[in-house]
Amino acid sequence: MAWMQRLRKNKSLQYGLPMMVLIVGGSFGLREFAQIRYDIQKIRGKMDPELEKKLKKSKVTLEEEYEKIKNTSFDDWKNVRGPRPWEETGSDQEKQQ
């Protein structure tokens, strides 16, 4: 009986053992929840084949967008700042234009 009371008073067993159980058990629990997350993403990731074909056809490349913008003129462009929270929305923007 004396050794049982010494084990109860031992700080390592009183605080360390539950902490280690939480760390090890938490890692296993976290692994299970993460696996559920990835399984759901696989299920939701499946797309309708017709929609997938449409998305593959309408692929836009960076070079194509650059060619569209390259020939536009920005000489008549004017920077108009948006309203600040304490200003009225329309009056200051109309003055700038």
C-alpha atoms as a PDB file:
ATOM      1  CA  MET A   1       0.000   0.000   0.000  1.00  0.00           C
ATOM      2  CA  ALA A   2       2.889   2.370   0.641  1.00  0.00           C
ATOM      3  CA  TRP A   3       4.160   2.068  -2.937  1.00  0.00           C
ATOM      4  CA  MET A   4       0.640   2.896  -4.227  1.00  0.00           C
ATOM      5  CA  GLN A   5       0.645   6.160  -2.287  1.00  0.00           C
ATOM      6  CA  ARG A   6       4.134   6.999  -3.572  1.00  0.00           C
ATOM      7  CA  LEU A   7       2.892   6.481  -7.160  1.00  0.00           C
ATOM      8  CA  ARG A   8      -0.071   8.796  -6.552  1.00  0.00           C
ATOM      9  CA  LYS A   9       2.221  11.534  -5.227  1.00  0.00           C
ATOM     10  CA  ASN A  10       4.744  11.167  -8.046  1.00  0.00           C
ATOM     11  CA  LYS A  11       4.539  14.358 -10.176  1.00  0.00           C
ATOM     12  CA  SER A  12       5.758  12.612 -13.323  1.00  0.00           C
ATOM     13  CA  LEU A  13       2.961  10.090 -13.231  1.00  0.00           C
ATOM     14  CA  GLN A  14       0.381  12.609 -12.033  1.00  0.00           C
ATOM     15  CA  TYR A  15       1.009  15.203 -14.756  1.00  0.00           C
ATOM     16  CA  GLY A  16       3.380  13.677 -17.292  1.00  0.00           C
ATOM     17  CA  LEU A  17       1.517  10.478 -18.066  1.00  0.00           C
ATOM     18  CA  PRO A  18      -1.816  12.198 -18.912  1.00  0.00           C
ATOM     19  CA  MET A  19       0.082  14.718 -21.032  1.00  0.00           C
ATOM     20  CA  MET A  20       1.795  11.979 -23.012  1.00  0.00           C
ATOM     21  CA  VAL A  21      -1.515  10.151 -23.452  1.00  0.00           C
ATOM     22  CA  LEU A  22      -3.090  13.355 -24.817  1.00  0.00           C
ATOM     23  CA  ILE A  23      -0.205  13.992 -27.214  1.00  0.00           C
ATOM     24  CA  VAL A  24      -0.047  10.465 -28.602  1.00  0.00           C
ATOM     25  CA  GLY A  25      -3.821   9.987 -28.634  1.00  0.00           C
ATOM     26  CA  GLY A  26      -4.332  13.406 -30.196  1.00  0.00           C
ATOM     27  CA  SER A  27      -2.018  12.622 -33.058  1.00  0.00           C
ATOM     28  CA  PHE A  28      -3.964   9.458 -33.870  1.00  0.00           C
ATOM     29  CA  GLY A  29      -7.268  11.321 -33.600  1.00  0.00           C
ATOM     30  CA  LEU A  30      -6.012  14.143 -35.777  1.00  0.00           C
ATOM     31  CA  ARG A  31      -4.884  11.658 -38.404  1.00  0.00           C
ATOM     32  CA  GLU A  32      -8.392  10.166 -38.548  1.00  0.00           C
ATOM     33  CA  PHE A  33     -10.076  13.572 -38.900  1.00  0.00           C
ATOM     34  CA  ALA A  34      -7.626  14.630 -41.598  1.00  0.00           C
ATOM     35  CA  GLN A  35      -8.288  11.402 -43.506  1.00  0.00           C
ATOM     36  CA  ILE A  36     -12.024  12.126 -43.443  1.00  0.00           C
ATOM     37  CA  ARG A  37     -11.306  15.579 -44.866  1.00  0.00           C
ATOM     38  CA  TYR A  38      -9.267  14.199 -47.759  1.00  0.00           C
ATOM     39  CA  ASP A  39     -11.852  11.503 -48.499  1.00  0.00           C
ATOM     40  CA  ILE A  40     -14.585  14.130 -48.780  1.00  0.00           C
ATOM     41  CA  GLN A  41     -12.412  16.219 -51.104  1.00  0.00           C
ATOM     42  CA  LYS A  42     -11.983  13.209 -53.394  1.00  0.00           C
ATOM     43  CA  ILE A  43     -15.736  12.672 -53.533  1.00  0.00           C
ATOM     44  CA  ARG A  44     -16.515  16.339 -54.169  1.00  0.00           C
ATOM     45  CA  GLY A  45     -13.686  16.632 -56.676  1.00  0.00           C
ATOM     46  CA  LYS A  46     -15.413  14.408 -59.182  1.00  0.00           C
ATOM     47  CA  MET A  47     -16.938  16.551 -61.870  1.00  0.00           C
ATOM     48  CA  ASP A  48     -19.514  16.025 -64.570  1.00  0.00           C
ATOM     49  CA  PRO A  49     -17.647  14.845 -67.708  1.00  0.00           C
ATOM     50  CA  GLU A  50     -19.411  17.356 -69.968  1.00  0.00           C
ATOM     51  CA  LEU A  51     -18.500  20.246 -67.699  1.00  0.00           C
ATOM     52  CA  GLU A  52     -14.926  19.019 -67.499  1.00  0.00           C
ATOM     53  CA  LYS A  53     -14.684  18.977 -71.327  1.00  0.00           C
ATOM     54  CA  LYS A  54     -15.969  22.560 -71.487  1.00  0.00           C
ATOM     55  CA  LEU A  55     -13.404  23.708 -68.948  1.00  0.00           C
ATOM     56  CA  LYS A  56     -10.576  22.044 -70.840  1.00  0.00           C
ATOM     57  CA  LYS A  57     -11.662  23.679 -74.114  1.00  0.00           C
ATOM     58  CA  SER A  58     -11.820  27.188 -72.667  1.00  0.00           C
ATOM     59  CA  LYS A  59      -8.313  27.223 -71.249  1.00  0.00           C
ATOM     60  CA  VAL A  60      -6.842  30.707 -71.299  1.00  0.00           C
ATOM     61  CA  THR A  61      -3.106  31.161 -71.300  1.00  0.00           C
ATOM     62  CA  LEU A  62      -1.120  34.065 -69.976  1.00  0.00           C
ATOM     63  CA  GLU A  63       0.368  34.735 -73.399  1.00  0.00           C
ATOM     64  CA  GLU A  64      -3.089  35.118 -74.993  1.00  0.00           C
ATOM     65  CA  GLU A  65      -4.180  37.611 -72.362  1.00  0.00           C
ATOM     66  CA  TYR A  66      -0.935  39.536 -72.793  1.00  0.00           C
ATOM     67  CA  GLU A  67      -1.515  39.807 -76.539  1.00  0.00           C
ATOM     68  CA  LYS A  68      -5.004  41.219 -75.904  1.00  0.00           C
ATOM     69  CA  ILE A  69      -3.760  43.863 -73.484  1.00  0.00           C
ATOM     70  CA  LYS A  70      -0.559  44.714 -75.368  1.00  0.00           C
ATOM     71  CA  ASN A  71      -2.350  46.649 -78.091  1.00  0.00           C
ATOM     72  CA  THR A  72      -4.683  48.669 -75.853  1.00  0.00           C
ATOM     73  CA  SER A  73      -3.991  52.298 -75.083  1.00  0.00           C
ATOM     74  CA  PHE A  74      -3.972  53.563 -71.510  1.00  0.00           C
ATOM     75  CA  ASP A  75      -3.257  57.216 -72.350  1.00  0.00           C
ATOM     76  CA  ASP A  76      -6.807  58.374 -71.609  1.00  0.00           C
ATOM     77  CA  TRP A  77      -7.028  56.386 -68.360  1.00  0.00           C
ATOM     78  CA  LYS A  78      -7.613  58.385 -65.192  1.00  0.00           C
ATOM     79  CA  ASN A  79      -7.036  57.204 -61.632  1.00  0.00           C
ATOM     80  CA  VAL A  80     -10.110  57.872 -59.491  1.00  0.00           C
ATOM     81  CA  ARG A  81      -9.750  56.987 -55.836  1.00  0.00           C
ATOM     82  CA  GLY A  82     -12.597  55.325 -53.989  1.00  0.00           C
ATOM     83  CA  PRO A  83     -14.419  57.073 -51.185  1.00  0.00           C
ATOM     84  CA  ARG A  84     -13.176  56.908 -47.632  1.00  0.00           C
ATOM     85  CA  PRO A  85     -15.581  55.836 -44.865  1.00  0.00           C
ATOM     86  CA  TRP A  86     -16.078  59.409 -43.603  1.00  0.00           C
ATOM     87  CA  GLU A  87     -16.725  60.883 -47.068  1.00  0.00           C
ATOM     88  CA  GLU A  88     -19.914  60.824 -49.063  1.00  0.00           C
ATOM     89  CA  THR A  89     -19.719  58.237 -51.809  1.00  0.00           C
ATOM     90  CA  GLY A  90     -20.664  60.223 -54.883  1.00  0.00           C
ATOM     91  CA  SER A  91     -19.617  63.828 -54.427  1.00  0.00           C
ATOM     92  CA  ASP A  92     -15.832  63.402 -54.284  1.00  0.00           C
ATOM     93  CA  GLN A  93     -15.754  60.977 -57.187  1.00  0.00           C
ATOM     94  CA  GLU A  94     -17.761  63.354 -59.366  1.00  0.00           C
ATOM     95  CA  LYS A  95     -15.302  66.159 -58.596  1.00  0.00           C
ATOM     96  CA  GLN A  96     -12.369  64.018 -59.693  1.00  0.00           C
ATOM     97  CA  GLN A  97     -13.951  63.056 -62.986  1.00  0.00           C
END
